[in-house]
Amino acid sequence: MKSSVRNQFEGTIKAIVRGEAVSEIDVETAAGIMSSIITTRSMEEMGLKVGDKVTAAVKATAVFVEKA
């Protein structure tokens, strides 16, 4: 599938926190763990489960930096 998203990271699903409406998907990539919040319906339709190989695609309209 072609995409306009340039920031893509291959990885493996390490954890899923299933919610009633939305679920958190944690993907281990070479850049570290990336978390995504998607609808539970989408997760179910895709058949996502721990151990699946996936691509995490990041398209941000803004990146904020705060000094600690």
PDB file of N, CA and C in Angstrom:
ATOM      1  N   MET A   1       0.837  -1.178   0.000  1.00  0.00           N
ATOM      2  CA  MET A   1       0.000   0.000   0.000  1.00  0.00           C
ATOM      3  C   MET A   1       0.881   1.240   0.000  1.00  0.00           C
ATOM      4  N   LYS A   2       0.599   2.196  -0.853  1.00  0.00           N
ATOM      5  CA  LYS A   2       1.344   3.444  -0.902  1.00  0.00           C
ATOM      6  C   LYS A   2       0.761   4.430   0.102  1.00  0.00           C
ATOM      7  N   SER A   3       1.627   5.278   0.621  1.00  0.00           N
ATOM      8  CA  SER A   3       1.206   6.247   1.634  1.00  0.00           C
ATOM      9  C   SER A   3       2.036   7.513   1.492  1.00  0.00           C
ATOM     10  N   SER A   4       1.470   8.637   1.879  1.00  0.00           N
ATOM     11  CA  SER A   4       2.210   9.896   1.883  1.00  0.00           C
ATOM     12  C   SER A   4       3.001  10.068   3.178  1.00  0.00           C
ATOM     13  N   VAL A   5       2.799   9.195   4.139  1.00  0.00           N
ATOM     14  CA  VAL A   5       3.489   9.290   5.422  1.00  0.00           C
ATOM     15  C   VAL A   5       4.956   8.886   5.245  1.00  0.00           C
ATOM     16  N   ARG A   6       5.871   9.770   5.617  1.00  0.00           N
ATOM     17  CA  ARG A   6       7.297   9.513   5.436  1.00  0.00           C
ATOM     18  C   ARG A   6       7.949   8.870   6.661  1.00  0.00           C
ATOM     19  N   ASN A   7       7.386   9.069   7.821  1.00  0.00           N
ATOM     20  CA  ASN A   7       7.953   8.517   9.051  1.00  0.00           C
ATOM     21  C   ASN A   7       7.281   7.185   9.351  1.00  0.00           C
ATOM     22  N   GLN A   8       7.898   6.101   8.887  1.00  0.00           N
ATOM     23  CA  GLN A   8       7.342   4.769   9.085  1.00  0.00           C
ATOM     24  C   GLN A   8       8.378   3.889   9.772  1.00  0.00           C
ATOM     25  N   PHE A   9       7.914   3.098  10.735  1.00  0.00           N
ATOM     26  CA  PHE A   9       8.790   2.255  11.531  1.00  0.00           C
ATOM     27  C   PHE A   9       8.237   0.837  11.568  1.00  0.00           C
ATOM     28  N   GLU A  10       9.022  -0.110  11.081  1.00  0.00           N
ATOM     29  CA  GLU A  10       8.632  -1.516  11.162  1.00  0.00           C
ATOM     30  C   GLU A  10       8.793  -1.965  12.610  1.00  0.00           C
ATOM     31  N   GLY A  11       7.886  -2.804  13.078  1.00  0.00           N
ATOM     32  CA  GLY A  11       8.006  -3.263  14.449  1.00  0.00           C
ATOM     33  C   GLY A  11       7.089  -4.427  14.762  1.00  0.00           C
ATOM     34  N   THR A  12       7.074  -4.783  16.028  1.00  0.00           N
ATOM     35  CA  THR A  12       6.286  -5.899  16.526  1.00  0.00           C
ATOM     36  C   THR A  12       5.405  -5.415  17.666  1.00  0.00           C
ATOM     37  N   ILE A  13       4.134  -5.816  17.648  1.00  0.00           N
ATOM     38  CA  ILE A  13       3.232  -5.443  18.739  1.00  0.00           C
ATOM     39  C   ILE A  13       3.685  -6.151  20.002  1.00  0.00           C
ATOM     40  N   LYS A  14       3.977  -5.374  21.050  1.00  0.00           N
ATOM     41  CA  LYS A  14       4.436  -5.915  22.325  1.00  0.00           C
ATOM     42  C   LYS A  14       3.327  -5.956  23.365  1.00  0.00           C
ATOM     43  N   ALA A  15       2.364  -5.057  23.273  1.00  0.00           N
ATOM     44  CA  ALA A  15       1.277  -5.028  24.249  1.00  0.00           C
ATOM     45  C   ALA A  15       0.052  -4.366  23.646  1.00  0.00           C
ATOM     46  N   ILE A  16      -1.106  -4.814  24.108  1.00  0.00           N
ATOM     47  CA  ILE A  16      -2.376  -4.201  23.726  1.00  0.00           C
ATOM     48  C   ILE A  16      -3.181  -3.987  25.001  1.00  0.00           C
ATOM     49  N   VAL A  17      -3.611  -2.745  25.203  1.00  0.00           N
ATOM     50  CA  VAL A  17      -4.503  -2.430  26.315  1.00  0.00           C
ATOM     51  C   VAL A  17      -5.857  -2.143  25.690  1.00  0.00           C
ATOM     52  N   ARG A  18      -6.742  -3.134  25.788  1.00  0.00           N
ATOM     53  CA  ARG A  18      -8.041  -3.054  25.118  1.00  0.00           C
ATOM     54  C   ARG A  18      -9.026  -2.260  25.960  1.00  0.00           C
ATOM     55  N   GLY A  19      -9.635  -1.284  25.320  1.00  0.00           N
ATOM     56  CA  GLY A  19     -10.684  -0.514  25.966  1.00  0.00           C
ATOM     57  C   GLY A  19     -11.999  -0.758  25.256  1.00  0.00           C
ATOM     58  N   GLU A  20     -13.067  -0.249  25.827  1.00  0.00           N
ATOM     59  CA  GLU A  20     -14.386  -0.441  25.229  1.00  0.00           C
ATOM     60  C   GLU A  20     -14.499   0.270  23.886  1.00  0.00           C
ATOM     61  N   ALA A  21     -14.001   1.510  23.819  1.00  0.00           N
ATOM     62  CA  ALA A  21     -14.104   2.290  22.579  1.00  0.00           C
ATOM     63  C   ALA A  21     -12.774   2.423  21.857  1.00  0.00           C
ATOM     64  N   VAL A  22     -11.682   2.609  22.623  1.00  0.00           N
ATOM     65  CA  VAL A  22     -10.356   2.742  22.030  1.00  0.00           C
ATOM     66  C   VAL A  22      -9.384   1.802  22.723  1.00  0.00           C
ATOM     67  N   SER A  23      -8.318   1.438  22.008  1.00  0.00           N
ATOM     68  CA  SER A  23      -7.299   0.552  22.558  1.00  0.00           C
ATOM     69  C   SER A  23      -5.925   1.149  22.305  1.00  0.00           C
ATOM     70  N   GLU A  24      -4.981   0.849  23.215  1.00  0.00           N
ATOM     71  CA  GLU A  24      -3.602   1.300  23.062  1.00  0.00           C
ATOM     72  C   GLU A  24      -2.777   0.143  22.528  1.00  0.00           C
ATOM     73  N   ILE A  25      -2.048   0.409  21.456  1.00  0.00           N
ATOM     74  CA  ILE A  25      -1.188  -0.591  20.832  1.00  0.00           C
ATOM     75  C   ILE A  25       0.254  -0.142  21.016  1.00  0.00           C
ATOM     76  N   ASP A  26       1.081  -0.957  21.689  1.00  0.00           N
ATOM     77  CA  ASP A  26       2.496  -0.646  21.871  1.00  0.00           C
ATOM     78  C   ASP A  26       3.309  -1.458  20.873  1.00  0.00           C
ATOM     79  N   VAL A  27       4.077  -0.748  20.052  1.00  0.00           N
ATOM     80  CA  VAL A  27       4.868  -1.374  18.993  1.00  0.00           C
ATOM     81  C   VAL A  27       6.343  -1.157  19.294  1.00  0.00           C
ATOM     82  N   GLU A  28       7.111  -2.254  19.364  1.00  0.00           N
ATOM     83  CA  GLU A  28       8.555  -2.150  19.557  1.00  0.00           C
ATOM     84  C   GLU A  28       9.211  -1.980  18.197  1.00  0.00           C
ATOM     85  N   THR A  29       9.938  -0.871  18.023  1.00  0.00           N
ATOM     86  CA  THR A  29      10.630  -0.575  16.772  1.00  0.00           C
ATOM     87  C   THR A  29      12.110  -0.357  17.066  1.00  0.00           C
ATOM     88  N   ALA A  30      12.904  -0.214  16.031  1.00  0.00           N
ATOM     89  CA  ALA A  30      14.326   0.083  16.211  1.00  0.00           C
ATOM     90  C   ALA A  30      14.513   1.433  16.896  1.00  0.00           C
ATOM     91  N   ALA A  31      13.536   2.324  16.788  1.00  0.00           N
ATOM     92  CA  ALA A  31      13.593   3.648  17.416  1.00  0.00           C
ATOM     93  C   ALA A  31      13.088   3.621  18.853  1.00  0.00           C
ATOM     94  N   GLY A  32      12.583   2.485  19.311  1.00  0.00           N
ATOM     95  CA  GLY A  32      12.020   2.362  20.648  1.00  0.00           C
ATOM     96  C   GLY A  32      10.551   1.979  20.577  1.00  0.00           C
ATOM     97  N   ILE A  33       9.908   1.985  21.731  1.00  0.00           N
ATOM     98  CA  ILE A  33       8.478   1.648  21.801  1.00  0.00           C
ATOM     99  C   ILE A  33       7.661   2.837  21.320  1.00  0.00           C
ATOM    100  N   MET A  34       6.738   2.588  20.416  1.00  0.00           N
ATOM    101  CA  MET A  34       5.806   3.613  19.943  1.00  0.00           C
ATOM    102  C   MET A  34       4.413   3.153  20.328  1.00  0.00           C
ATOM    103  N   SER A  35       3.623   4.063  20.883  1.00  0.00           N
ATOM    104  CA  SER A  35       2.260   3.739  21.290  1.00  0.00           C
ATOM    105  C   SER A  35       1.269   4.431  20.382  1.00  0.00           C
ATOM    106  N   SER A  36       0.214   3.723  20.062  1.00  0.00           N
ATOM    107  CA  SER A  36      -0.834   4.276  19.206  1.00  0.00           C
ATOM    108  C   SER A  36      -2.185   4.009  19.850  1.00  0.00           C
ATOM    109  N   ILE A  37      -3.050   4.989  19.803  1.00  0.00           N
ATOM    110  CA  ILE A  37      -4.419   4.826  20.267  1.00  0.00           C
ATOM    111  C   ILE A  37      -5.304   4.716  19.030  1.00  0.00           C
ATOM    112  N   ILE A  38      -5.977   3.583  18.881  1.00  0.00           N
ATOM    113  CA  ILE A  38      -6.880   3.374  17.752  1.00  0.00           C
ATOM    114  C   ILE A  38      -8.216   2.879  18.284  1.00  0.00           C
ATOM    115  N   THR A  39      -9.241   2.945  17.453  1.00  0.00           N
ATOM    116  CA  THR A  39     -10.522   2.434  17.913  1.00  0.00           C
ATOM    117  C   THR A  39     -10.419   0.919  18.089  1.00  0.00           C
ATOM    118  N   THR A  40     -11.124   0.427  19.073  1.00  0.00           N
ATOM    119  CA  THR A  40     -11.146  -1.013  19.318  1.00  0.00           C
ATOM    120  C   THR A  40     -11.748  -1.730  18.117  1.00  0.00           C
ATOM    121  N   ARG A  41     -12.702  -1.108  17.478  1.00  0.00           N
ATOM    122  CA  ARG A  41     -13.300  -1.700  16.279  1.00  0.00           C
ATOM    123  C   ARG A  41     -12.245  -1.902  15.194  1.00  0.00           C
ATOM    124  N   SER A  42     -11.394  -0.899  14.961  1.00  0.00           N
ATOM    125  CA  SER A  42     -10.330  -1.027  13.962  1.00  0.00           C
ATOM    126  C   SER A  42      -9.360  -2.133  14.345  1.00  0.00           C
ATOM    127  N   MET A  43      -9.015  -2.200  15.640  1.00  0.00           N
ATOM    128  CA  MET A  43      -8.108  -3.237  16.106  1.00  0.00           C
ATOM    129  C   MET A  43      -8.686  -4.625  15.821  1.00  0.00           C
ATOM    130  N   GLU A  44      -9.957  -4.783  16.106  1.00  0.00           N
ATOM    131  CA  GLU A  44     -10.615  -6.071  15.881  1.00  0.00           C
ATOM    132  C   GLU A  44     -10.718  -6.395  14.390  1.00  0.00           C
ATOM    133  N   GLU A  45     -11.079  -5.405  13.573  1.00  0.00           N
ATOM    134  CA  GLU A  45     -11.207  -5.628  12.130  1.00  0.00           C
ATOM    135  C   GLU A  45      -9.864  -6.000  11.502  1.00  0.00           C
ATOM    136  N   MET A  46      -8.755  -5.437  12.045  1.00  0.00           N
ATOM    137  CA  MET A  46      -7.425  -5.753  11.538  1.00  0.00           C
ATOM    138  C   MET A  46      -6.905  -7.069  12.114  1.00  0.00           C
ATOM    139  N   GLY A  47      -7.555  -7.560  13.161  1.00  0.00           N
ATOM    140  CA  GLY A  47      -7.119  -8.799  13.791  1.00  0.00           C
ATOM    141  C   GLY A  47      -5.781  -8.661  14.495  1.00  0.00           C
ATOM    142  N   LEU A  48      -5.502  -7.460  15.040  1.00  0.00           N
ATOM    143  CA  LEU A  48      -4.215  -7.222  15.680  1.00  0.00           C
ATOM    144  C   LEU A  48      -4.081  -8.011  16.973  1.00  0.00           C
ATOM    145  N   LYS A  49      -2.867  -8.570  17.175  1.00  0.00           N
ATOM    146  CA  LYS A  49      -2.590  -9.294  18.410  1.00  0.00           C
ATOM    147  C   LYS A  49      -1.107  -9.157  18.740  1.00  0.00           C
ATOM    148  N   VAL A  50      -0.764  -9.391  19.994  1.00  0.00           N
ATOM    149  CA  VAL A  50       0.628  -9.324  20.431  1.00  0.00           C
ATOM    150  C   VAL A  50       1.454 -10.284  19.580  1.00  0.00           C
ATOM    151  N   GLY A  51       2.606  -9.801  19.122  1.00  0.00           N
ATOM    152  CA  GLY A  51       3.500 -10.601  18.286  1.00  0.00           C
ATOM    153  C   GLY A  51       3.383 -10.313  16.806  1.00  0.00           C
ATOM    154  N   ASP A  52       2.306  -9.630  16.387  1.00  0.00           N
ATOM    155  CA  ASP A  52       2.132  -9.294  14.969  1.00  0.00           C
ATOM    156  C   ASP A  52       3.193  -8.305  14.510  1.00  0.00           C
ATOM    157  N   LYS A  53       3.662  -8.477  13.286  1.00  0.00           N
ATOM    158  CA  LYS A  53       4.560  -7.524  12.638  1.00  0.00           C
ATOM    159  C   LYS A  53       3.694  -6.438  12.015  1.00  0.00           C
ATOM    160  N   VAL A  54       4.014  -5.185  12.298  1.00  0.00           N
ATOM    161  CA  VAL A  54       3.224  -4.056  11.803  1.00  0.00           C
ATOM    162  C   VAL A  54       4.160  -2.913  11.402  1.00  0.00           C
ATOM    163  N   THR A  55       3.593  -1.903  10.785  1.00  0.00           N
ATOM    164  CA  THR A  55       4.301  -0.665  10.496  1.00  0.00           C
ATOM    165  C   THR A  55       3.620   0.450  11.274  1.00  0.00           C
ATOM    166  N   ALA A  56       4.395   1.173  12.069  1.00  0.00           N
ATOM    167  CA  ALA A  56       3.887   2.343  12.785  1.00  0.00           C
ATOM    168  C   ALA A  56       4.192   3.553  11.906  1.00  0.00           C
ATOM    169  N   ALA A  57       3.161   4.244  11.468  1.00  0.00           N
ATOM    170  CA  ALA A  57       3.329   5.419  10.614  1.00  0.00           C
ATOM    171  C   ALA A  57       2.971   6.665  11.419  1.00  0.00           C
ATOM    172  N   VAL A  58       3.854   7.649  11.376  1.00  0.00           N
ATOM    173  CA  VAL A  58       3.675   8.864  12.170  1.00  0.00           C
ATOM    174  C   VAL A  58       3.536  10.052  11.235  1.00  0.00           C
ATOM    175  N   LYS A  59       2.433  10.749  11.350  1.00  0.00           N
ATOM    176  CA  LYS A  59       2.229  11.977  10.582  1.00  0.00           C
ATOM    177  C   LYS A  59       1.727  13.023  11.574  1.00  0.00           C
ATOM    178  N   ALA A  60       2.621  13.873  11.999  1.00  0.00           N
ATOM    179  CA  ALA A  60       2.285  14.875  13.012  1.00  0.00           C
ATOM    180  C   ALA A  60       2.183  16.255  12.380  1.00  0.00           C
ATOM    181  N   THR A  61       1.201  17.006  12.820  1.00  0.00           N
ATOM    182  CA  THR A  61       1.072  18.382  12.342  1.00  0.00           C
ATOM    183  C   THR A  61       1.873  19.336  13.206  1.00  0.00           C
ATOM    184  N   ALA A  62       2.253  18.881  14.403  1.00  0.00           N
ATOM    185  CA  ALA A  62       3.051  19.720  15.290  1.00  0.00           C
ATOM    186  C   ALA A  62       3.837  18.839  16.246  1.00  0.00           C
ATOM    187  N   VAL A  63       5.046  19.293  16.578  1.00  0.00           N
ATOM    188  CA  VAL A  63       5.866  18.622  17.567  1.00  0.00           C
ATOM    189  C   VAL A  63       6.232  19.664  18.609  1.00  0.00           C
ATOM    190  N   PHE A  64       5.934  19.371  19.862  1.00  0.00           N
ATOM    191  CA  PHE A  64       6.186  20.310  20.944  1.00  0.00           C
ATOM    192  C   PHE A  64       7.376  19.838  21.769  1.00  0.00           C
ATOM    193  N   VAL A  65       8.199  20.781  22.212  1.00  0.00           N
ATOM    194  CA  VAL A  65       9.341  20.478  23.071  1.00  0.00           C
ATOM    195  C   VAL A  65       9.201  21.323  24.331  1.00  0.00           C
ATOM    196  N   GLU A  66       9.363  20.687  25.484  1.00  0.00           N
ATOM    197  CA  GLU A  66       9.325  21.405  26.754  1.00  0.00           C
ATOM    198  C   GLU A  66      10.630  21.133  27.495  1.00  0.00           C
ATOM    199  N   LYS A  67      11.154  22.159  28.107  1.00  0.00           N
ATOM    200  CA  LYS A  67      12.368  21.981  28.890  1.00  0.00           C
ATOM    201  C   LYS A  67      12.010  21.389  30.241  1.00  0.00           C
ATOM    202  N   ALA A  68      12.777  20.397  30.667  1.00  0.00           N
ATOM    203  CA  ALA A  68      12.527  19.740  31.950  1.00  0.00           C
ATOM    204  C   ALA A  68      13.009  20.583  33.099  1.00  0.00           C
TER     205      ALA A  68
END
